[in-house]
Amino acid sequence: MHRVPVRYRRAQKGQFIQKLQHAIPSVIVLGDGIDHLQHDPHGASLALGIAEMAVSALVIGSVIRGFRRLRAGGAADGHGHVHHGVDWIDLSLGAMLLVEAYAKFHATAHLPRPTILLGLVMIVLGFVHGRLAAWGDRRLELRVDDKGISVPRRFFRRLSVAWSEVAEITAGPAIARVITIDGRDQSLDLADALEPEPIRAALADARARLEAYRAEQTGRANITTE
């Protein structure tokens, strides 16, 4: 049985760009921290300046780390599976939001509850990132077993068919296709896939199982006619 997550570079890049947009304000926060240290390096203002510079550095560092990981294509184990951990960008952004919430409170004596809530949500998402990503991988799996093949589609939908319903399985240099007898056609973009080789191996197994199923059916038909 094969279970291989189908992940695409364009989707990973889109997710990273979204995080990068949220991280841009870290430059402003860094400037605020420097300003606090230059103009009022005492007491709460000193602590706030240090905290602002620290969380800004964390955000910038996590973004650089995420960019390097993106260029490396993730950390797959060679079978299409990735070992997910915490999301340091989300954790850093959450910490930055909490520090900025305190900065607003320090300046206005007003407690910015939405900012605090968003910061806490980002921290929680950062810690549960591994579980969420693993769940997403399961939803995006290409599955091949004795019963048939199941191919992921957009928006977490699937094309799941028995071998008796499959007309053809192809795997070219860039595109793989699973075509059913009733005309349904699901393609996989191997050129954009993060781990194309495990996908090709699963499709090769699928073609072998399809041929074995057809040979078995032909044998049964010959026995019946005799």
Protein backbone atom coordinates (compact mmCIF):
# COMPACT_ATOMS: atom_id res chain seq x y z
CA MET A 1 0.00 0.00 0.00
CA HIS A 2 1.25 3.47 -0.90
CA ARG A 3 0.27 6.67 0.93
CA VAL A 4 2.21 9.65 -0.44
CA PRO A 5 1.38 13.31 0.31
CA VAL A 6 1.12 15.44 -2.84
CA ARG A 7 2.48 18.89 -2.01
CA TYR A 8 3.20 21.63 -4.52
CA ARG A 9 5.86 24.33 -4.49
CA ARG A 10 3.41 27.06 -5.52
CA ALA A 11 1.17 26.32 -2.52
CA GLN A 12 4.14 26.39 -0.14
CA LYS A 13 5.34 29.67 -1.65
CA GLY A 14 1.87 31.18 -1.27
CA GLN A 15 1.75 30.25 2.41
CA PHE A 16 5.22 31.70 2.99
CA ILE A 17 4.31 34.98 1.24
CA GLN A 18 1.28 35.33 3.51
CA LYS A 19 3.49 34.93 6.57
CA LEU A 20 6.03 37.35 5.11
CA GLN A 21 3.32 40.02 4.78
CA HIS A 22 2.50 39.62 8.47
CA ALA A 23 6.20 39.83 9.33
CA ILE A 24 6.86 43.15 7.56
CA PRO A 25 5.77 45.23 10.62
CA SER A 26 8.69 43.71 12.55
CA VAL A 27 10.90 46.37 10.94
CA ILE A 28 8.68 49.08 12.45
CA VAL A 29 8.73 47.36 15.83
CA LEU A 30 12.53 47.20 15.65
CA GLY A 31 12.61 50.94 15.00
CA ASP A 32 10.29 51.53 17.99
CA GLY A 33 12.63 49.50 20.19
CA ILE A 34 15.66 51.50 19.09
CA ASP A 35 13.71 54.72 19.70
CA HIS A 36 12.81 53.65 23.25
CA LEU A 37 16.44 52.82 24.02
CA GLN A 38 17.72 56.10 22.60
CA HIS A 39 15.24 58.49 24.19
CA ASP A 40 14.17 56.85 27.47
CA PRO A 41 16.52 54.04 28.50
CA HIS A 42 15.06 53.66 31.98
CA GLY A 43 12.62 51.38 33.78
CA ALA A 44 9.63 50.10 31.81
CA SER A 45 10.66 51.98 28.67
CA LEU A 46 14.07 50.28 28.73
CA ALA A 47 12.48 46.84 29.17
CA LEU A 48 9.99 47.59 26.41
CA GLY A 49 12.73 48.67 24.02
CA ILE A 50 14.74 45.52 24.68
CA ALA A 51 11.62 43.35 24.23
CA GLU A 52 10.70 45.06 20.95
CA MET A 53 14.18 44.57 19.54
CA ALA A 54 14.26 40.95 20.71
CA VAL A 55 10.90 39.94 19.19
CA SER A 56 11.74 41.81 15.97
CA ALA A 57 14.99 39.86 15.72
CA LEU A 58 13.08 36.62 16.34
CA VAL A 59 10.59 37.40 13.57
CA ILE A 60 13.30 38.37 11.08
CA GLY A 61 15.38 35.33 11.98
CA SER A 62 12.41 32.96 11.66
CA VAL A 63 11.54 34.43 8.25
CA ILE A 64 15.11 33.93 7.03
CA ARG A 65 15.03 30.35 8.34
CA GLY A 66 11.68 29.77 6.62
CA PHE A 67 13.03 31.18 3.35
CA ARG A 68 16.02 28.85 3.46
CA ARG A 69 13.73 25.92 4.16
CA LEU A 70 11.53 26.96 1.24
CA ARG A 71 14.51 27.07 -1.12
CA ALA A 72 15.59 23.64 0.11
CA GLY A 73 12.14 22.28 -0.73
CA GLY A 74 11.17 21.22 2.80
CA ALA A 75 12.58 18.41 4.91
CA ALA A 76 11.09 15.27 3.43
CA ASP A 77 12.36 11.85 4.40
CA GLY A 78 12.70 10.57 0.82
CA HIS A 79 9.27 8.91 0.83
CA GLY A 80 7.27 12.13 0.50
CA HIS A 81 6.68 12.50 4.24
CA VAL A 82 7.75 15.59 6.18
CA HIS A 83 8.36 15.67 9.92
CA HIS A 84 6.55 18.82 11.04
CA GLY A 85 7.44 20.76 14.15
CA VAL A 86 6.39 24.07 15.59
CA ASP A 87 6.02 27.09 13.31
CA TRP A 88 8.62 29.57 14.52
CA ILE A 89 7.27 32.37 12.34
CA ASP A 90 3.82 32.14 13.95
CA LEU A 91 5.36 31.90 17.43
CA SER A 92 7.54 34.93 16.80
CA LEU A 93 4.66 36.93 15.35
CA GLY A 94 2.53 36.05 18.37
CA ALA A 95 5.25 37.23 20.75
CA MET A 96 5.66 40.44 18.74
CA LEU A 97 1.93 41.15 18.91
CA LEU A 98 1.91 40.68 22.69
CA VAL A 99 4.86 43.03 23.09
CA GLU A 100 3.15 45.62 20.89
CA ALA A 101 -0.02 45.23 22.94
CA TYR A 102 1.98 46.10 26.03
CA ALA A 103 3.58 49.04 24.18
CA LYS A 104 0.13 50.46 23.43
CA PHE A 105 -0.93 49.92 27.02
CA HIS A 106 2.27 51.60 28.23
CA ALA A 107 1.62 54.63 25.98
CA THR A 108 -2.16 55.02 26.37
CA ALA A 109 -3.18 52.99 29.46
CA HIS A 110 -5.66 51.29 27.14
CA LEU A 111 -5.60 47.49 26.92
CA PRO A 112 -5.77 46.43 23.21
CA ARG A 113 -7.71 43.19 23.64
CA PRO A 114 -7.95 42.32 19.90
CA THR A 115 -4.17 42.52 19.57
CA ILE A 116 -3.69 40.36 22.66
CA LEU A 117 -6.20 37.80 21.37
CA LEU A 118 -4.55 37.67 17.96
CA GLY A 119 -1.14 37.25 19.57
CA LEU A 120 -2.35 34.33 21.69
CA VAL A 121 -4.01 32.73 18.66
CA MET A 122 -0.77 32.98 16.67
CA ILE A 123 1.18 31.35 19.50
CA VAL A 124 -1.32 28.49 19.74
CA LEU A 125 -1.21 28.00 15.95
CA GLY A 126 2.57 27.96 16.11
CA PHE A 127 2.58 25.16 18.69
CA VAL A 128 -0.10 23.04 16.95
CA HIS A 129 1.38 23.60 13.50
CA GLY A 130 2.78 20.06 13.38
CA ARG A 131 -0.59 18.45 13.99
CA LEU A 132 -2.37 20.73 11.51
CA ALA A 133 0.26 20.11 8.84
CA ALA A 134 0.16 16.35 9.40
CA TRP A 135 -3.64 16.45 9.05
CA GLY A 136 -3.24 18.41 5.81
CA ASP A 137 -0.74 15.85 4.50
CA ARG A 138 -3.21 13.04 5.17
CA ARG A 139 -5.89 14.94 3.24
CA LEU A 140 -3.46 15.40 0.33
CA GLU A 141 -2.28 11.80 0.11
CA LEU A 142 -2.15 9.76 -3.06
CA ARG A 143 -3.36 6.34 -1.89
CA VAL A 144 -2.89 3.04 -3.69
CA ASP A 145 -4.02 -0.33 -2.35
CA ASP A 146 -5.60 -3.61 -3.44
CA LYS A 147 -9.04 -2.01 -3.76
CA GLY A 148 -8.15 0.92 -6.01
CA ILE A 149 -6.60 4.38 -6.16
CA SER A 150 -7.50 7.65 -4.46
CA VAL A 151 -6.12 10.92 -5.87
CA PRO A 152 -6.25 14.29 -4.07
CA ARG A 153 -8.02 17.15 -5.81
CA ARG A 154 -8.42 20.85 -5.05
CA PHE A 155 -10.12 22.04 -1.85
CA PHE A 156 -9.46 18.68 -0.09
CA ARG A 157 -11.71 16.77 -2.48
CA ARG A 158 -10.70 13.35 -3.81
CA LEU A 159 -11.14 11.08 -6.79
CA SER A 160 -11.45 7.60 -5.27
CA VAL A 161 -12.11 4.71 -7.65
CA ALA A 162 -11.87 0.91 -7.67
CA TRP A 163 -9.60 -0.80 -10.19
CA SER A 164 -12.67 -1.80 -12.19
CA GLU A 165 -13.38 1.91 -12.79
CA VAL A 166 -9.88 2.89 -13.96
CA ALA A 167 -9.26 3.25 -17.69
CA GLU A 168 -5.69 4.51 -17.71
CA ILE A 169 -2.85 5.72 -15.47
CA THR A 170 -0.06 7.73 -17.05
CA ALA A 171 3.02 9.48 -15.65
CA GLY A 172 4.90 11.77 -18.04
CA PRO A 173 7.86 14.04 -17.29
CA ALA A 174 5.61 16.84 -16.02
CA ILE A 175 2.03 15.55 -15.66
CA ALA A 176 0.52 12.35 -14.31
CA ARG A 177 -3.10 11.44 -15.00
CA VAL A 178 -5.67 9.02 -13.66
CA ILE A 179 -8.52 8.53 -16.13
CA THR A 180 -11.66 6.60 -15.29
CA ILE A 181 -13.89 4.58 -17.60
CA ASP A 182 -16.68 7.15 -17.30
CA GLY A 183 -14.38 9.99 -18.41
CA ARG A 184 -13.26 11.54 -15.14
CA ASP A 185 -9.69 12.82 -15.44
CA GLN A 186 -7.50 13.88 -12.51
CA SER A 187 -4.00 15.19 -13.13
CA LEU A 188 -1.00 15.61 -10.84
CA ASP A 189 1.60 18.28 -11.59
CA LEU A 190 4.84 16.36 -11.17
CA ALA A 191 6.91 19.32 -12.37
CA ASP A 192 5.72 21.43 -9.42
CA ALA A 193 5.58 18.63 -6.83
CA LEU A 194 7.96 18.91 -3.89
CA GLU A 195 8.65 15.16 -3.93
CA PRO A 196 7.85 13.80 -7.43
CA GLU A 197 9.77 10.51 -7.15
CA PRO A 198 7.65 8.97 -4.35
CA ILE A 199 4.57 9.97 -6.39
CA ARG A 200 6.01 8.25 -9.47
CA ALA A 201 6.73 5.14 -7.41
CA ALA A 202 3.15 5.06 -6.12
CA LEU A 203 1.80 5.47 -9.66
CA ALA A 204 4.06 2.69 -10.91
CA ASP A 205 2.63 0.47 -8.19
CA ALA A 206 -0.87 1.57 -9.23
CA ARG A 207 -0.24 0.59 -12.87
CA ALA A 208 1.08 -2.81 -11.75
CA ARG A 209 -1.99 -3.40 -9.59
CA LEU A 210 -4.27 -2.32 -12.45
CA GLU A 211 -2.58 -4.76 -14.84
CA ALA A 212 -2.79 -7.53 -12.24
CA TYR A 213 -6.50 -6.82 -11.75
CA ARG A 214 -7.16 -6.95 -15.49
CA ALA A 215 -5.16 -10.16 -15.86
CA GLU A 216 -7.18 -11.70 -13.04
CA GLN A 217 -10.45 -10.63 -14.66
CA THR A 218 -9.33 -12.03 -18.01
CA GLY A 219 -8.39 -15.32 -16.37
CA ARG A 220 -11.78 -15.57 -14.69
CA ALA A 221 -13.53 -14.80 -17.96
CA ASN A 222 -11.57 -17.56 -19.77
CA ILE A 223 -12.43 -20.08 -17.04
CA THR A 224 -16.11 -19.15 -17.32
CA THR A 225 -16.18 -19.57 -21.12
CA GLU A 226 -14.49 -22.96 -20.88
